[in-house]
Amino acid sequence: KDWQTKPDIAIGSALVAGTVEGDEKSDAVLSVLVDESQKAYLKIGETVFVEVPYYQTSIIKVHSEDNGEDFVRILNPVTRVTPFPGNIIHRQFDAVRMIIIAGTLVDDESNPIADSFFETGNEPAYTGGAGDFIIEMPVTAQGREFKFIANGRICSFFANPDRDSLIFEAGNIKCQPGAADALYLIRKNHDLTRLDSE
């Protein structure tokens, strides 16, 4: 993040300064590609400079390497830049930790919502015969409130897993009937926060 240390720009070239923000406790190593060619590595909280051609559009992509126990997803992994000679273009990428959430969706009478599709704002998900599910979701270091929709019901809970754990046991998640305007707002928020799958 120290802009005083930016490299000199070679004549006839341009630079992209890529920063990854997120949970800086993570040791995840991220890879920076320019037009599918590996150019640099960085960790969350760091900035790297990569050279790009000018007067043409380049595709910059950041993705997680094989990080062992650190399971990280980049929310906005791809950007495009078209620089002029001598330009330094800054792009920020946001990283979140992925966790496995296991739980059971139940209605307001504690009956399981079995064999049902439900909306998470991420990937499509389904409950089993006892209302049980296991899904993968992004979470910040401070935890996250989740609002799922199952059969017109709103299923809310807060997940704050231990930093060293990849699995969060949510238990029974009570799903209350949702008014049309509340369902609309949740779906709209899902659309805004859905992960870029590129």
C-alpha atoms as a PDB file:
ATOM      1  CA  LYS A   1       0.000   0.000   0.000  1.00  0.00           C
ATOM      2  CA  ASP A   2       3.036   2.268   0.021  1.00  0.00           C
ATOM      3  CA  TRP A   3       2.677   4.328  -3.123  1.00  0.00           C
ATOM      4  CA  GLN A   4       6.178   5.786  -2.562  1.00  0.00           C
ATOM      5  CA  THR A   5       7.627   2.463  -3.678  1.00  0.00           C
ATOM      6  CA  LYS A   6       5.918   2.297  -7.071  1.00  0.00           C
ATOM      7  CA  PRO A   7       8.316   1.171  -9.799  1.00  0.00           C
ATOM      8  CA  ASP A   8       9.501   3.309 -12.681  1.00  0.00           C
ATOM      9  CA  ILE A   9       7.405   2.900 -15.802  1.00  0.00           C
ATOM     10  CA  ALA A  10       9.353   1.744 -18.827  1.00  0.00           C
ATOM     11  CA  ILE A  11       8.971   3.843 -21.949  1.00  0.00           C
ATOM     12  CA  GLY A  12       6.053   2.551 -23.984  1.00  0.00           C
ATOM     13  CA  SER A  13       4.313   0.733 -21.134  1.00  0.00           C
ATOM     14  CA  ALA A  14       1.725   1.220 -18.405  1.00  0.00           C
ATOM     15  CA  LEU A  15       1.107  -0.286 -14.969  1.00  0.00           C
ATOM     16  CA  VAL A  16      -1.824  -1.682 -13.059  1.00  0.00           C
ATOM     17  CA  ALA A  17      -1.594  -1.438  -9.275  1.00  0.00           C
ATOM     18  CA  GLY A  18      -3.698  -4.258  -7.848  1.00  0.00           C
ATOM     19  CA  THR A  19      -4.753  -4.267  -4.192  1.00  0.00           C
ATOM     20  CA  VAL A  20      -6.607  -7.071  -2.430  1.00  0.00           C
ATOM     21  CA  GLU A  21      -8.655  -6.077   0.615  1.00  0.00           C
ATOM     22  CA  GLY A  22     -10.197  -8.461   3.115  1.00  0.00           C
ATOM     23  CA  ASP A  23      -9.331 -10.439   6.234  1.00  0.00           C
ATOM     24  CA  GLU A  24      -5.631  -9.621   6.576  1.00  0.00           C
ATOM     25  CA  LYS A  25      -5.127 -12.496   9.045  1.00  0.00           C
ATOM     26  CA  SER A  26      -5.349 -14.857   6.107  1.00  0.00           C
ATOM     27  CA  ASP A  27      -2.144 -16.359   4.728  1.00  0.00           C
ATOM     28  CA  ALA A  28      -3.787 -17.067   1.384  1.00  0.00           C
ATOM     29  CA  VAL A  29      -1.546 -16.536  -1.640  1.00  0.00           C
ATOM     30  CA  LEU A  30      -3.305 -14.936  -4.599  1.00  0.00           C
ATOM     31  CA  SER A  31      -2.231 -14.968  -8.221  1.00  0.00           C
ATOM     32  CA  VAL A  32      -2.451 -11.974 -10.593  1.00  0.00           C
ATOM     33  CA  LEU A  33      -2.901 -12.728 -14.283  1.00  0.00           C
ATOM     34  CA  VAL A  34      -2.846 -10.370 -17.265  1.00  0.00           C
ATOM     35  CA  ASP A  35      -4.624 -11.840 -20.286  1.00  0.00           C
ATOM     36  CA  GLU A  36      -4.343 -15.314 -18.670  1.00  0.00           C
ATOM     37  CA  SER A  37      -0.558 -14.931 -18.217  1.00  0.00           C
ATOM     38  CA  GLN A  38       0.811 -15.215 -14.648  1.00  0.00           C
ATOM     39  CA  LYS A  39       2.415 -11.880 -13.621  1.00  0.00           C
ATOM     40  CA  ALA A  40       2.573 -11.654  -9.814  1.00  0.00           C
ATOM     41  CA  TYR A  41       1.600 -13.083  -6.432  1.00  0.00           C
ATOM     42  CA  LEU A  42       0.287 -11.204  -3.424  1.00  0.00           C
ATOM     43  CA  LYS A  43      -1.459 -11.655  -0.083  1.00  0.00           C
ATOM     44  CA  ILE A  44      -4.523  -9.925   1.299  1.00  0.00           C
ATOM     45  CA  GLY A  45      -3.681  -6.337   2.284  1.00  0.00           C
ATOM     46  CA  GLU A  46      -0.866  -6.037  -0.255  1.00  0.00           C
ATOM     47  CA  THR A  47      -0.501  -4.063  -3.498  1.00  0.00           C
ATOM     48  CA  VAL A  48       1.437  -5.248  -6.537  1.00  0.00           C
ATOM     49  CA  PHE A  49       2.337  -3.472  -9.771  1.00  0.00           C
ATOM     50  CA  VAL A  50       2.128  -5.333 -13.075  1.00  0.00           C
ATOM     51  CA  GLU A  51       3.080  -4.066 -16.504  1.00  0.00           C
ATOM     52  CA  VAL A  52       0.366  -4.010 -19.169  1.00  0.00           C
ATOM     53  CA  PRO A  53       0.368  -2.975 -22.825  1.00  0.00           C
ATOM     54  CA  TYR A  54      -1.044   0.439 -23.686  1.00  0.00           C
ATOM     55  CA  TYR A  55      -3.759   1.378 -26.205  1.00  0.00           C
ATOM     56  CA  GLN A  56      -5.325  -2.044 -25.873  1.00  0.00           C
ATOM     57  CA  THR A  57      -7.673  -3.667 -23.406  1.00  0.00           C
ATOM     58  CA  SER A  58      -6.149  -6.162 -20.993  1.00  0.00           C
ATOM     59  CA  ILE A  59      -8.051  -8.518 -18.711  1.00  0.00           C
ATOM     60  CA  ILE A  60      -6.713  -8.525 -15.138  1.00  0.00           C
ATOM     61  CA  LYS A  61      -7.713 -11.483 -12.992  1.00  0.00           C
ATOM     62  CA  VAL A  62      -6.949 -12.338  -9.367  1.00  0.00           C
ATOM     63  CA  HIS A  63      -7.583 -15.827  -8.071  1.00  0.00           C
ATOM     64  CA  SER A  64      -6.722 -17.942  -5.075  1.00  0.00           C
ATOM     65  CA  GLU A  65      -3.872 -20.419  -5.307  1.00  0.00           C
ATOM     66  CA  ASP A  66      -3.931 -23.759  -3.438  1.00  0.00           C
ATOM     67  CA  ASN A  67      -3.969 -22.365   0.102  1.00  0.00           C
ATOM     68  CA  GLY A  68      -4.424 -25.403   2.299  1.00  0.00           C
ATOM     69  CA  GLU A  69      -6.671 -24.370   5.180  1.00  0.00           C
ATOM     70  CA  ASP A  70      -7.272 -20.808   3.932  1.00  0.00           C
ATOM     71  CA  PHE A  71     -10.261 -21.033   1.608  1.00  0.00           C
ATOM     72  CA  VAL A  72     -10.567 -17.592  -0.003  1.00  0.00           C
ATOM     73  CA  ARG A  73     -12.842 -16.332  -2.771  1.00  0.00           C
ATOM     74  CA  ILE A  74     -12.377 -13.065  -4.686  1.00  0.00           C
ATOM     75  CA  LEU A  75     -15.733 -11.306  -4.999  1.00  0.00           C
ATOM     76  CA  ASN A  76     -14.784  -9.290  -8.089  1.00  0.00           C
ATOM     77  CA  PRO A  77     -12.015 -11.352  -9.681  1.00  0.00           C
ATOM     78  CA  VAL A  78     -11.933  -9.842 -13.175  1.00  0.00           C
ATOM     79  CA  THR A  79     -11.438  -6.293 -14.410  1.00  0.00           C
ATOM     80  CA  ARG A  80     -10.532  -4.751 -17.768  1.00  0.00           C
ATOM     81  CA  VAL A  81      -8.156  -1.842 -18.336  1.00  0.00           C
ATOM     82  CA  THR A  82      -7.237   0.170 -21.444  1.00  0.00           C
ATOM     83  CA  PRO A  83      -4.316   2.410 -20.415  1.00  0.00           C
ATOM     84  CA  PHE A  84      -2.397   5.163 -22.179  1.00  0.00           C
ATOM     85  CA  PRO A  85       1.429   5.180 -22.136  1.00  0.00           C
ATOM     86  CA  GLY A  86       2.745   6.071 -18.693  1.00  0.00           C
ATOM     87  CA  ASN A  87      -0.572   5.401 -16.916  1.00  0.00           C
ATOM     88  CA  ILE A  88      -0.772   3.770 -13.494  1.00  0.00           C
ATOM     89  CA  ILE A  89      -4.277   2.369 -13.034  1.00  0.00           C
ATOM     90  CA  HIS A  90      -5.394   1.181  -9.600  1.00  0.00           C
ATOM     91  CA  ARG A  91      -7.825  -1.693  -9.161  1.00  0.00           C
ATOM     92  CA  GLN A  92      -9.068  -3.082  -5.852  1.00  0.00           C
ATOM     93  CA  PHE A  93     -10.177  -6.681  -5.416  1.00  0.00           C
ATOM     94  CA  ASP A  94     -12.190  -7.845  -2.408  1.00  0.00           C
ATOM     95  CA  ALA A  95     -11.507 -11.183  -0.747  1.00  0.00           C
ATOM     96  CA  VAL A  96     -13.694 -13.142   1.644  1.00  0.00           C
ATOM     97  CA  ARG A  97     -13.184 -16.397   3.488  1.00  0.00           C
ATOM     98  CA  MET A  98     -15.420 -19.262   2.427  1.00  0.00           C
ATOM     99  CA  ILE A  99     -16.957 -21.548   5.042  1.00  0.00           C
ATOM    100  CA  ILE A 100     -19.141 -24.633   5.011  1.00  0.00           C
ATOM    101  CA  ILE A 101     -22.496 -24.061   6.712  1.00  0.00           C
ATOM    102  CA  ALA A 102     -24.471 -27.074   7.917  1.00  0.00           C
ATOM    103  CA  GLY A 103     -27.965 -26.700   9.309  1.00  0.00           C
ATOM    104  CA  THR A 104     -31.654 -27.541   9.102  1.00  0.00           C
ATOM    105  CA  LEU A 105     -34.434 -25.303   7.805  1.00  0.00           C
ATOM    106  CA  VAL A 106     -37.640 -25.546   9.837  1.00  0.00           C
ATOM    107  CA  ASP A 107     -40.950 -23.715   9.684  1.00  0.00           C
ATOM    108  CA  ASP A 108     -42.463 -21.707  12.544  1.00  0.00           C
ATOM    109  CA  GLU A 109     -43.844 -24.950  14.050  1.00  0.00           C
ATOM    110  CA  SER A 110     -40.358 -26.573  13.913  1.00  0.00           C
ATOM    111  CA  ASN A 111     -41.333 -28.912  11.070  1.00  0.00           C
ATOM    112  CA  PRO A 112     -38.479 -29.511   8.625  1.00  0.00           C
ATOM    113  CA  ILE A 113     -38.671 -27.814   5.235  1.00  0.00           C
ATOM    114  CA  ALA A 114     -37.771 -31.008   3.415  1.00  0.00           C
ATOM    115  CA  ASP A 115     -36.656 -31.663  -0.166  1.00  0.00           C
ATOM    116  CA  SER A 116     -36.923 -27.985  -1.085  1.00  0.00           C
ATOM    117  CA  PHE A 117     -35.000 -25.510  -3.180  1.00  0.00           C
ATOM    118  CA  PHE A 118     -33.907 -22.419  -1.240  1.00  0.00           C
ATOM    119  CA  GLU A 119     -32.282 -19.141  -2.247  1.00  0.00           C
ATOM    120  CA  THR A 120     -28.992 -18.187  -0.593  1.00  0.00           C
ATOM    121  CA  GLY A 121     -27.708 -15.334  -2.752  1.00  0.00           C
ATOM    122  CA  ASN A 122     -24.852 -17.594  -3.823  1.00  0.00           C
ATOM    123  CA  GLU A 123     -25.231 -20.998  -5.488  1.00  0.00           C
ATOM    124  CA  PRO A 124     -28.593 -22.823  -5.785  1.00  0.00           C
ATOM    125  CA  ALA A 125     -29.231 -24.985  -2.718  1.00  0.00           C
ATOM    126  CA  TYR A 126     -31.572 -27.781  -1.674  1.00  0.00           C
ATOM    127  CA  THR A 127     -32.610 -29.327   1.613  1.00  0.00           C
ATOM    128  CA  GLY A 128     -32.622 -33.068   2.229  1.00  0.00           C
ATOM    129  CA  GLY A 129     -35.473 -35.212   3.491  1.00  0.00           C
ATOM    130  CA  ALA A 130     -35.089 -33.878   7.047  1.00  0.00           C
ATOM    131  CA  GLY A 131     -34.672 -30.213   6.011  1.00  0.00           C
ATOM    132  CA  ASP A 132     -30.911 -30.549   6.341  1.00  0.00           C
ATOM    133  CA  PHE A 133     -28.392 -28.800   4.111  1.00  0.00           C
ATOM    134  CA  ILE A 134     -24.669 -28.251   3.655  1.00  0.00           C
ATOM    135  CA  ILE A 135     -23.575 -25.246   1.593  1.00  0.00           C
ATOM    136  CA  GLU A 136     -20.520 -23.091   0.965  1.00  0.00           C
ATOM    137  CA  MET A 137     -20.869 -19.357   1.679  1.00  0.00           C
ATOM    138  CA  PRO A 138     -18.608 -16.302   2.056  1.00  0.00           C
ATOM    139  CA  VAL A 139     -18.150 -14.726   5.499  1.00  0.00           C
ATOM    140  CA  THR A 140     -16.130 -11.786   6.807  1.00  0.00           C
ATOM    141  CA  ALA A 141     -13.848 -11.796   9.847  1.00  0.00           C
ATOM    142  CA  GLN A 142     -16.673 -10.133  11.827  1.00  0.00           C
ATOM    143  CA  GLY A 143     -19.239 -12.763  10.862  1.00  0.00           C
ATOM    144  CA  ARG A 144     -22.270 -12.310   8.668  1.00  0.00           C
ATOM    145  CA  GLU A 145     -26.053 -12.331   8.869  1.00  0.00           C
ATOM    146  CA  PHE A 146     -27.625 -14.638   6.294  1.00  0.00           C
ATOM    147  CA  LYS A 147     -31.156 -14.432   4.950  1.00  0.00           C
ATOM    148  CA  PHE A 148     -32.294 -17.382   2.866  1.00  0.00           C
ATOM    149  CA  ILE A 149     -35.676 -17.794   1.167  1.00  0.00           C
ATOM    150  CA  ALA A 150     -37.400 -21.187   1.239  1.00  0.00           C
ATOM    151  CA  ASN A 151     -40.977 -21.655  -0.047  1.00  0.00           C
ATOM    152  CA  GLY A 152     -41.805 -17.981   0.500  1.00  0.00           C
ATOM    153  CA  ARG A 153     -40.340 -18.041   4.005  1.00  0.00           C
ATOM    154  CA  ILE A 154     -37.434 -15.967   5.322  1.00  0.00           C
ATOM    155  CA  CYS A 155     -34.752 -17.959   7.131  1.00  0.00           C
ATOM    156  CA  SER A 156     -32.394 -15.658   9.083  1.00  0.00           C
ATOM    157  CA  PHE A 157     -29.338 -16.461  11.189  1.00  0.00           C
ATOM    158  CA  PHE A 158     -25.933 -15.041  12.075  1.00  0.00           C
ATOM    159  CA  ALA A 159     -22.758 -17.015  11.380  1.00  0.00           C
ATOM    160  CA  ASN A 160     -19.588 -16.104  13.246  1.00  0.00           C
ATOM    161  CA  PRO A 161     -17.303 -19.141  12.921  1.00  0.00           C
ATOM    162  CA  ASP A 162     -14.030 -19.526  14.774  1.00  0.00           C
ATOM    163  CA  ARG A 163     -11.114 -18.170  12.763  1.00  0.00           C
ATOM    164  CA  ASP A 164      -9.544 -21.624  12.590  1.00  0.00           C
ATOM    165  CA  SER A 165     -12.731 -23.424  11.562  1.00  0.00           C
ATOM    166  CA  LEU A 166     -14.006 -23.982   8.030  1.00  0.00           C
ATOM    167  CA  ILE A 167     -17.335 -25.407   9.215  1.00  0.00           C
ATOM    168  CA  PHE A 168     -20.180 -23.587  10.973  1.00  0.00           C
ATOM    169  CA  GLU A 169     -22.958 -25.649  12.567  1.00  0.00           C
ATOM    170  CA  ALA A 170     -26.081 -23.473  12.314  1.00  0.00           C
ATOM    171  CA  GLY A 171     -28.482 -25.963  13.940  1.00  0.00           C
ATOM    172  CA  ASN A 172     -32.220 -25.444  13.349  1.00  0.00           C
ATOM    173  CA  ILE A 173     -32.924 -22.246  11.401  1.00  0.00           C
ATOM    174  CA  LYS A 174     -36.496 -21.077  11.864  1.00  0.00           C
ATOM    175  CA  CYS A 175     -38.122 -19.792   8.661  1.00  0.00           C
ATOM    176  CA  GLN A 176     -40.970 -17.300   9.030  1.00  0.00           C
ATOM    177  CA  PRO A 177     -43.545 -16.428   6.353  1.00  0.00           C
ATOM    178  CA  GLY A 178     -42.313 -13.419   4.393  1.00  0.00           C
ATOM    179  CA  ALA A 179     -44.306 -10.508   2.992  1.00  0.00           C
ATOM    180  CA  ALA A 180     -43.859  -9.834  -0.730  1.00  0.00           C
ATOM    181  CA  ASP A 181     -41.948  -6.580  -0.172  1.00  0.00           C
ATOM    182  CA  ALA A 182     -39.556  -8.243   2.325  1.00  0.00           C
ATOM    183  CA  LEU A 183     -38.898 -11.114  -0.088  1.00  0.00           C
ATOM    184  CA  TYR A 184     -38.269  -8.612  -2.882  1.00  0.00           C
ATOM    185  CA  LEU A 185     -35.688  -6.706  -0.798  1.00  0.00           C
ATOM    186  CA  ILE A 186     -33.848  -9.896   0.156  1.00  0.00           C
ATOM    187  CA  ARG A 187     -33.717 -11.029  -3.480  1.00  0.00           C
ATOM    188  CA  LYS A 188     -32.487  -7.603  -4.524  1.00  0.00           C
ATOM    189  CA  ASN A 189     -29.716  -7.806  -1.908  1.00  0.00           C
ATOM    190  CA  HIS A 190     -28.862 -11.322  -3.146  1.00  0.00           C
ATOM    191  CA  ASP A 191     -28.471  -9.906  -6.650  1.00  0.00           C
ATOM    192  CA  LEU A 192     -26.099  -7.200  -5.391  1.00  0.00           C
ATOM    193  CA  THR A 193     -23.928  -9.543  -3.357  1.00  0.00           C
ATOM    194  CA  ARG A 194     -23.891 -12.643  -5.551  1.00  0.00           C
ATOM    195  CA  LEU A 195     -20.351 -13.810  -6.251  1.00  0.00           C
ATOM    196  CA  ASP A 196     -18.914 -13.299  -9.694  1.00  0.00           C
ATOM    197  CA  SER A 197     -18.460 -16.822 -10.972  1.00  0.00           C
ATOM    198  CA  GLU A 198     -15.904 -15.991 -13.663  1.00  0.00           C
END
